[in-house]
Amino acid sequence: MTEITDNQAQSRYELVEQDLTAYADYRRDEGRLYIDYVFSPPPLRGKGTSDRLMHAVARAAEEDGLKIVPICGYAATWLRRHREYAGLLA
C-alpha cells in the first residue's frame, strides 16, 4: 500500500519517490474533495507514480467519507478507468 502525506498547509496530498515529490492539489467543501491538479516530476513520469498517488488519494477520500470531484484531466481520466472507485465520484 502506498503511503501519502496530507500536506494541509499547501492543500495537497504528497507522495515521495526517489527523493522527488508527486502531488495532488485539492480543496475540500461540504463532503467533497476537489482534485484540482495532479503533478509528477519528469523523472517519475511513466513509472506509475501518479497512478499510485491517485489510488492512495481515492482510499483517503473513501476513509474520510468524501466524494471526489475531479477538476484535473488526469484525475478525471484515472477515475473513469478505475471503476472500483466509481462510488466516490460526486
N, C-alpha and C. Protein backbone atom coordinates (compact mmCIF):
# COMPACT_ATOMS: atom_id res chain seq x y z
N MET A 1 0.85 -1.19 0.00
CA MET A 1 0.00 0.00 0.00
C MET A 1 0.89 1.25 0.00
N THR A 2 0.56 2.18 -0.85
CA THR A 2 1.33 3.42 -0.97
C THR A 2 0.93 4.38 0.14
N GLU A 3 1.94 4.96 0.76
CA GLU A 3 1.71 5.94 1.83
C GLU A 3 1.81 7.35 1.25
N ILE A 4 0.80 8.16 1.52
CA ILE A 4 0.84 9.55 1.11
C ILE A 4 0.77 10.43 2.35
N THR A 5 1.16 11.66 2.19
CA THR A 5 1.09 12.65 3.26
C THR A 5 0.06 13.70 2.86
N ASP A 6 -0.81 14.06 3.79
CA ASP A 6 -1.76 15.13 3.55
C ASP A 6 -1.12 16.42 4.04
N ASN A 7 -0.55 17.17 3.12
CA ASN A 7 0.09 18.45 3.45
C ASN A 7 -1.01 19.51 3.47
N GLN A 8 -1.66 19.65 4.62
CA GLN A 8 -2.80 20.55 4.74
C GLN A 8 -2.41 22.01 4.56
N ALA A 9 -1.19 22.37 4.92
CA ALA A 9 -0.73 23.76 4.77
C ALA A 9 -0.73 24.17 3.29
N GLN A 10 -0.43 23.22 2.40
CA GLN A 10 -0.41 23.52 0.97
C GLN A 10 -1.60 22.92 0.23
N SER A 11 -2.52 22.30 0.96
CA SER A 11 -3.72 21.67 0.39
C SER A 11 -3.36 20.71 -0.73
N ARG A 12 -2.50 19.76 -0.38
CA ARG A 12 -2.14 18.76 -1.37
C ARG A 12 -1.72 17.45 -0.70
N TYR A 13 -2.03 16.36 -1.39
CA TYR A 13 -1.54 15.05 -0.99
C TYR A 13 -0.20 14.86 -1.69
N GLU A 14 0.77 14.31 -0.95
CA GLU A 14 2.10 14.16 -1.50
C GLU A 14 2.57 12.71 -1.42
N LEU A 15 3.32 12.32 -2.43
CA LEU A 15 3.94 11.00 -2.50
C LEU A 15 5.40 11.22 -2.87
N VAL A 16 6.31 10.75 -2.02
CA VAL A 16 7.74 10.91 -2.28
C VAL A 16 8.29 9.59 -2.80
N GLU A 17 8.91 9.66 -3.97
CA GLU A 17 9.61 8.52 -4.57
C GLU A 17 10.91 9.04 -5.15
N GLN A 18 11.98 8.31 -4.94
CA GLN A 18 13.31 8.69 -5.44
C GLN A 18 13.67 10.12 -5.02
N ASP A 19 13.31 10.49 -3.81
CA ASP A 19 13.56 11.83 -3.25
C ASP A 19 12.88 12.95 -4.03
N LEU A 20 11.87 12.63 -4.83
CA LEU A 20 11.09 13.62 -5.56
C LEU A 20 9.64 13.53 -5.10
N THR A 21 8.93 14.65 -5.18
CA THR A 21 7.56 14.69 -4.68
C THR A 21 6.55 14.86 -5.80
N ALA A 22 5.66 13.88 -5.90
CA ALA A 22 4.48 13.98 -6.76
C ALA A 22 3.35 14.46 -5.85
N TYR A 23 2.39 15.18 -6.40
CA TYR A 23 1.33 15.68 -5.53
C TYR A 23 0.01 15.86 -6.28
N ALA A 24 -1.04 15.93 -5.48
CA ALA A 24 -2.38 16.22 -5.98
C ALA A 24 -2.92 17.39 -5.17
N ASP A 25 -3.08 18.54 -5.82
CA ASP A 25 -3.67 19.71 -5.17
C ASP A 25 -5.16 19.47 -4.97
N TYR A 26 -5.67 19.89 -3.84
CA TYR A 26 -7.09 19.66 -3.57
C TYR A 26 -7.72 20.82 -2.82
N ARG A 27 -9.06 20.79 -2.82
CA ARG A 27 -9.89 21.65 -1.97
C ARG A 27 -10.96 20.75 -1.38
N ARG A 28 -11.39 21.06 -0.19
CA ARG A 28 -12.50 20.32 0.44
C ARG A 28 -13.64 21.28 0.71
N ASP A 29 -14.86 20.78 0.46
CA ASP A 29 -16.04 21.61 0.69
C ASP A 29 -17.26 20.71 0.80
N GLU A 30 -17.96 20.76 1.89
CA GLU A 30 -19.23 20.07 2.10
C GLU A 30 -19.20 18.60 1.68
N GLY A 31 -18.23 17.85 2.21
CA GLY A 31 -18.17 16.43 1.94
C GLY A 31 -17.60 16.06 0.58
N ARG A 32 -16.99 17.03 -0.09
CA ARG A 32 -16.41 16.78 -1.40
C ARG A 32 -14.92 17.11 -1.39
N LEU A 33 -14.19 16.32 -2.15
CA LEU A 33 -12.76 16.53 -2.34
C LEU A 33 -12.55 16.87 -3.81
N TYR A 34 -12.19 18.12 -4.08
CA TYR A 34 -11.95 18.58 -5.44
C TYR A 34 -10.46 18.37 -5.74
N ILE A 35 -10.16 17.57 -6.76
CA ILE A 35 -8.78 17.36 -7.17
C ILE A 35 -8.50 18.34 -8.31
N ASP A 36 -7.76 19.42 -7.98
CA ASP A 36 -7.53 20.49 -8.94
C ASP A 36 -6.39 20.20 -9.91
N TYR A 37 -5.35 19.49 -9.44
CA TYR A 37 -4.18 19.31 -10.27
C TYR A 37 -3.36 18.14 -9.73
N VAL A 38 -2.91 17.28 -10.62
CA VAL A 38 -2.02 16.18 -10.25
C VAL A 38 -0.70 16.41 -10.98
N PHE A 39 0.40 16.36 -10.22
CA PHE A 39 1.73 16.62 -10.79
C PHE A 39 2.70 15.52 -10.40
N SER A 40 3.48 15.11 -11.37
CA SER A 40 4.57 14.17 -11.14
C SER A 40 5.83 14.76 -11.77
N PRO A 41 6.94 14.82 -11.03
CA PRO A 41 8.18 15.35 -11.61
C PRO A 41 8.60 14.53 -12.84
N PRO A 42 9.19 15.16 -13.83
CA PRO A 42 9.57 14.46 -15.06
C PRO A 42 10.32 13.13 -14.86
N PRO A 43 11.27 13.04 -13.92
CA PRO A 43 11.96 11.75 -13.77
C PRO A 43 11.05 10.60 -13.29
N LEU A 44 9.89 10.93 -12.73
CA LEU A 44 8.98 9.90 -12.24
C LEU A 44 7.87 9.56 -13.24
N ARG A 45 7.77 10.31 -14.29
CA ARG A 45 6.70 10.10 -15.27
C ARG A 45 6.90 8.78 -16.02
N GLY A 46 5.79 8.11 -16.28
CA GLY A 46 5.83 6.85 -16.98
C GLY A 46 6.22 5.67 -16.10
N LYS A 47 6.29 5.89 -14.80
CA LYS A 47 6.70 4.84 -13.87
C LYS A 47 5.59 4.44 -12.90
N GLY A 48 4.38 4.98 -13.13
CA GLY A 48 3.24 4.62 -12.28
C GLY A 48 3.09 5.45 -11.02
N THR A 49 3.89 6.49 -10.87
CA THR A 49 3.84 7.31 -9.66
C THR A 49 2.49 7.98 -9.49
N SER A 50 1.99 8.62 -10.53
CA SER A 50 0.70 9.31 -10.43
C SER A 50 -0.43 8.31 -10.18
N ASP A 51 -0.32 7.13 -10.76
CA ASP A 51 -1.31 6.08 -10.52
C ASP A 51 -1.32 5.68 -9.04
N ARG A 52 -0.15 5.45 -8.48
CA ARG A 52 -0.07 5.10 -7.05
C ARG A 52 -0.59 6.23 -6.17
N LEU A 53 -0.27 7.47 -6.55
CA LEU A 53 -0.76 8.64 -5.82
C LEU A 53 -2.28 8.67 -5.83
N MET A 54 -2.88 8.50 -7.01
CA MET A 54 -4.34 8.57 -7.11
C MET A 54 -5.03 7.41 -6.38
N HIS A 55 -4.45 6.23 -6.40
CA HIS A 55 -5.01 5.12 -5.61
C HIS A 55 -5.05 5.51 -4.14
N ALA A 56 -3.97 6.09 -3.65
CA ALA A 56 -3.90 6.47 -2.24
C ALA A 56 -4.86 7.62 -1.93
N VAL A 57 -5.00 8.57 -2.84
CA VAL A 57 -5.95 9.68 -2.65
C VAL A 57 -7.37 9.13 -2.60
N ALA A 58 -7.70 8.21 -3.49
CA ALA A 58 -9.04 7.62 -3.51
C ALA A 58 -9.33 6.87 -2.21
N ARG A 59 -8.35 6.12 -1.72
CA ARG A 59 -8.54 5.42 -0.45
C ARG A 59 -8.72 6.40 0.71
N ALA A 60 -7.95 7.49 0.70
CA ALA A 60 -8.08 8.51 1.75
C ALA A 60 -9.46 9.15 1.70
N ALA A 61 -9.96 9.46 0.51
CA ALA A 61 -11.29 10.05 0.37
C ALA A 61 -12.34 9.08 0.89
N GLU A 62 -12.18 7.81 0.54
CA GLU A 62 -13.12 6.78 0.98
C GLU A 62 -13.13 6.68 2.51
N GLU A 63 -11.96 6.67 3.11
CA GLU A 63 -11.85 6.59 4.58
C GLU A 63 -12.48 7.80 5.26
N ASP A 64 -12.36 8.98 4.61
CA ASP A 64 -12.90 10.21 5.19
C ASP A 64 -14.35 10.45 4.80
N GLY A 65 -14.95 9.55 4.03
CA GLY A 65 -16.34 9.70 3.62
C GLY A 65 -16.56 10.84 2.65
N LEU A 66 -15.57 11.13 1.81
CA LEU A 66 -15.66 12.23 0.85
C LEU A 66 -15.95 11.73 -0.55
N LYS A 67 -16.68 12.51 -1.31
CA LYS A 67 -16.90 12.27 -2.73
C LYS A 67 -15.85 13.07 -3.49
N ILE A 68 -15.37 12.52 -4.60
CA ILE A 68 -14.32 13.19 -5.37
C ILE A 68 -14.92 13.92 -6.57
N VAL A 69 -14.48 15.16 -6.74
CA VAL A 69 -14.82 15.96 -7.91
C VAL A 69 -13.50 16.20 -8.65
N PRO A 70 -13.27 15.47 -9.76
CA PRO A 70 -12.01 15.62 -10.48
C PRO A 70 -12.03 16.83 -11.41
N ILE A 71 -11.31 17.87 -11.06
CA ILE A 71 -11.17 19.05 -11.91
C ILE A 71 -10.04 18.81 -12.92
N CYS A 72 -8.98 18.21 -12.46
CA CYS A 72 -7.81 17.88 -13.27
C CYS A 72 -8.17 16.78 -14.28
N GLY A 73 -7.73 16.96 -15.52
CA GLY A 73 -7.99 15.98 -16.56
C GLY A 73 -7.42 14.60 -16.23
N TYR A 74 -6.22 14.57 -15.65
CA TYR A 74 -5.63 13.28 -15.29
C TYR A 74 -6.49 12.58 -14.25
N ALA A 75 -6.90 13.31 -13.22
CA ALA A 75 -7.72 12.71 -12.16
C ALA A 75 -9.04 12.20 -12.72
N ALA A 76 -9.65 12.95 -13.62
CA ALA A 76 -10.93 12.54 -14.22
C ALA A 76 -10.75 11.26 -15.04
N THR A 77 -9.71 11.21 -15.85
CA THR A 77 -9.44 10.03 -16.66
C THR A 77 -9.12 8.84 -15.78
N TRP A 78 -8.32 9.06 -14.75
CA TRP A 78 -7.95 7.98 -13.83
C TRP A 78 -9.19 7.39 -13.17
N LEU A 79 -10.08 8.23 -12.71
CA LEU A 79 -11.29 7.74 -12.05
C LEU A 79 -12.20 6.99 -13.02
N ARG A 80 -12.28 7.41 -14.27
CA ARG A 80 -13.07 6.67 -15.27
C ARG A 80 -12.48 5.29 -15.51
N ARG A 81 -11.18 5.18 -15.47
CA ARG A 81 -10.51 3.90 -15.72
C ARG A 81 -10.54 2.95 -14.54
N HIS A 82 -10.74 3.47 -13.35
CA HIS A 82 -10.71 2.65 -12.14
C HIS A 82 -12.12 2.57 -11.56
N ARG A 83 -12.91 1.67 -12.14
CA ARG A 83 -14.32 1.53 -11.76
C ARG A 83 -14.51 1.13 -10.30
N GLU A 84 -13.48 0.58 -9.68
CA GLU A 84 -13.63 0.21 -8.26
C GLU A 84 -13.86 1.42 -7.37
N TYR A 85 -13.56 2.62 -7.90
CA TYR A 85 -13.78 3.85 -7.14
C TYR A 85 -14.96 4.67 -7.69
N ALA A 86 -15.76 4.09 -8.55
CA ALA A 86 -16.88 4.80 -9.18
C ALA A 86 -17.83 5.39 -8.14
N GLY A 87 -17.99 4.72 -7.02
CA GLY A 87 -18.87 5.20 -5.96
C GLY A 87 -18.39 6.47 -5.28
N LEU A 88 -17.13 6.83 -5.52
CA LEU A 88 -16.58 8.04 -4.92
C LEU A 88 -16.83 9.28 -5.77
N LEU A 89 -17.22 9.08 -7.01
CA LEU A 89 -17.41 10.22 -7.90
C LEU A 89 -18.63 11.04 -7.48
N ALA A 90 -18.42 12.35 -7.36
CA ALA A 90 -19.52 13.23 -6.96
C ALA A 90 -20.36 13.60 -8.16
